[in-house]
């Protein structure tokens, strides 16, 4: 079993930055890929960014150039640096960790990010 705990959400103004953290604990060797997803009001949950065990990254087009995903293996923590935030980035951000073929598949509890003036 793996536990994922997100932190770092909050209320910011457009153009500002936030850094989200996702701390993993438990049987983490089963995890190949870590990712951030988000779900805005009345919307489906969508991919934001992923990072593999080898360090390969992938981003949604809407966040390319503004968001950066990274990891600290020693701390078992994945980060999402979000710059130049926009109101449309407002959502609950979820951390996800999964193995090959999405098995196993773990989610964190989510952290709210609100971008508003």
Protein backbone atom coordinates (compact mmCIF):
# COMPACT_ATOMS: atom_id res chain seq x y z
CA UNK A 1 0.00 0.00 0.00
CA UNK A 2 1.15 3.54 -0.77
CA UNK A 3 0.03 6.77 0.85
CA UNK A 4 0.23 10.07 -1.03
CA UNK A 5 -0.13 13.34 0.85
CA UNK A 6 -0.35 16.64 -1.03
CA UNK A 7 0.41 20.07 0.37
CA UNK A 8 1.08 23.59 -0.82
CA UNK A 9 -2.27 24.67 -2.23
CA UNK A 10 -3.79 28.04 -1.51
CA UNK A 11 -5.23 31.28 -2.83
CA UNK A 12 -3.06 33.38 -5.13
CA UNK A 13 -3.53 36.21 -7.57
CA UNK A 14 -3.08 35.83 -11.34
CA UNK A 15 0.58 35.83 -12.32
CA UNK A 16 1.77 34.51 -8.99
CA UNK A 17 3.41 31.16 -8.23
CA UNK A 18 2.80 28.14 -6.01
CA UNK A 19 4.68 24.92 -5.39
CA UNK A 20 2.76 21.76 -4.61
CA UNK A 21 4.36 18.81 -2.86
CA UNK A 22 3.35 15.14 -2.79
CA UNK A 23 5.00 12.97 -0.17
CA UNK A 24 4.83 9.22 -0.78
CA UNK A 25 5.17 6.53 1.85
CA UNK A 26 4.66 2.79 1.99
CA UNK A 27 5.48 0.25 -0.71
CA UNK A 28 6.76 2.84 -3.15
CA UNK A 29 8.93 0.46 -5.16
CA UNK A 30 5.74 -0.56 -6.95
CA UNK A 31 5.36 2.95 -8.39
CA UNK A 32 6.76 3.68 -11.86
CA UNK A 33 5.18 7.03 -12.56
CA UNK A 34 4.06 9.95 -10.43
CA UNK A 35 1.74 12.61 -11.69
CA UNK A 36 -0.38 15.62 -10.95
CA UNK A 37 -3.99 15.84 -12.08
CA UNK A 38 -6.57 18.52 -11.51
CA UNK A 39 -10.33 18.85 -11.40
CA UNK A 40 -11.91 22.24 -11.82
CA UNK A 41 -15.48 23.11 -10.80
CA UNK A 42 -17.90 21.13 -12.94
CA UNK A 43 -15.08 19.58 -14.95
CA UNK A 44 -13.54 16.16 -15.30
CA UNK A 45 -10.20 15.28 -13.74
CA UNK A 46 -7.41 15.95 -16.22
CA UNK A 47 -3.71 15.27 -16.48
CA UNK A 48 -1.39 18.14 -15.60
CA UNK A 49 2.05 16.54 -15.61
CA UNK A 50 3.80 13.22 -15.03
CA UNK A 51 7.32 12.11 -14.22
CA UNK A 52 8.65 8.59 -14.53
CA UNK A 53 11.10 6.78 -12.31
CA UNK A 54 13.76 7.56 -14.90
CA UNK A 55 12.92 11.26 -14.88
CA UNK A 56 11.02 11.59 -18.15
CA UNK A 57 8.33 14.25 -17.98
CA UNK A 58 5.09 14.94 -19.79
CA UNK A 59 2.84 18.01 -19.61
CA UNK A 60 -0.61 19.06 -20.64
CA UNK A 61 -0.46 21.67 -23.40
CA UNK A 62 -2.25 24.19 -21.19
CA UNK A 63 0.60 24.24 -18.64
CA UNK A 64 3.69 23.82 -20.82
CA UNK A 65 6.20 26.56 -20.14
CA UNK A 66 4.51 27.53 -16.87
CA UNK A 67 4.53 24.38 -14.71
CA UNK A 68 7.46 22.12 -13.87
CA UNK A 69 7.25 18.68 -12.30
CA UNK A 70 10.24 17.35 -10.40
CA UNK A 71 11.10 14.77 -7.76
CA UNK A 72 13.42 14.24 -4.84
CA UNK A 73 14.09 10.52 -4.58
CA UNK A 74 15.73 10.85 -1.19
CA UNK A 75 12.56 12.43 0.22
CA UNK A 76 10.12 10.32 -1.83
CA UNK A 77 8.49 13.58 -2.82
CA UNK A 78 7.21 14.95 -6.11
CA UNK A 79 6.79 18.66 -6.70
CA UNK A 80 4.78 20.80 -9.07
CA UNK A 81 6.13 24.30 -9.51
CA UNK A 82 3.40 26.49 -10.94
CA UNK A 83 4.35 29.89 -12.32
CA UNK A 84 2.29 32.60 -13.98
CA UNK A 85 -0.90 31.13 -12.61
CA UNK A 86 -4.17 31.94 -14.35
CA UNK A 87 -7.78 31.86 -13.10
CA UNK A 88 -8.38 28.81 -15.28
CA UNK A 89 -5.78 26.92 -13.22
CA UNK A 90 -8.23 26.98 -10.31
CA UNK A 91 -8.91 23.38 -9.34
CA UNK A 92 -8.33 20.66 -6.81
CA UNK A 93 -4.92 19.20 -7.59
CA UNK A 94 -4.39 15.50 -7.00
CA UNK A 95 -1.20 13.50 -6.78
CA UNK A 96 -1.21 10.07 -8.42
CA UNK A 97 1.24 7.23 -8.35
CA UNK A 98 0.94 4.12 -10.46
CA UNK A 99 2.82 1.09 -11.65
CA UNK A 100 3.02 -0.65 -15.00
CA UNK A 101 -0.34 -0.65 -16.81
CA UNK A 102 -1.69 1.59 -14.04
CA UNK A 103 -1.49 -1.21 -11.51
CA UNK A 104 -1.27 -0.45 -8.65
CA UNK A 105 -2.86 2.96 -8.79
CA UNK A 106 -2.91 5.39 -5.87
CA UNK A 107 -4.35 8.87 -5.40
CA UNK A 108 -3.86 11.54 -2.80
CA UNK A 109 -6.67 13.42 -1.14
CA UNK A 110 -6.19 16.60 -3.19
CA UNK A 111 -5.23 20.18 -2.45
CA UNK A 112 -7.18 23.25 -3.52
CA UNK A 113 -5.55 25.87 -5.72
CA UNK A 114 -7.51 29.06 -6.31
CA UNK A 115 -6.30 31.80 -8.62
CA UNK A 116 -8.33 34.96 -8.25
CA UNK A 117 -7.86 38.69 -8.02
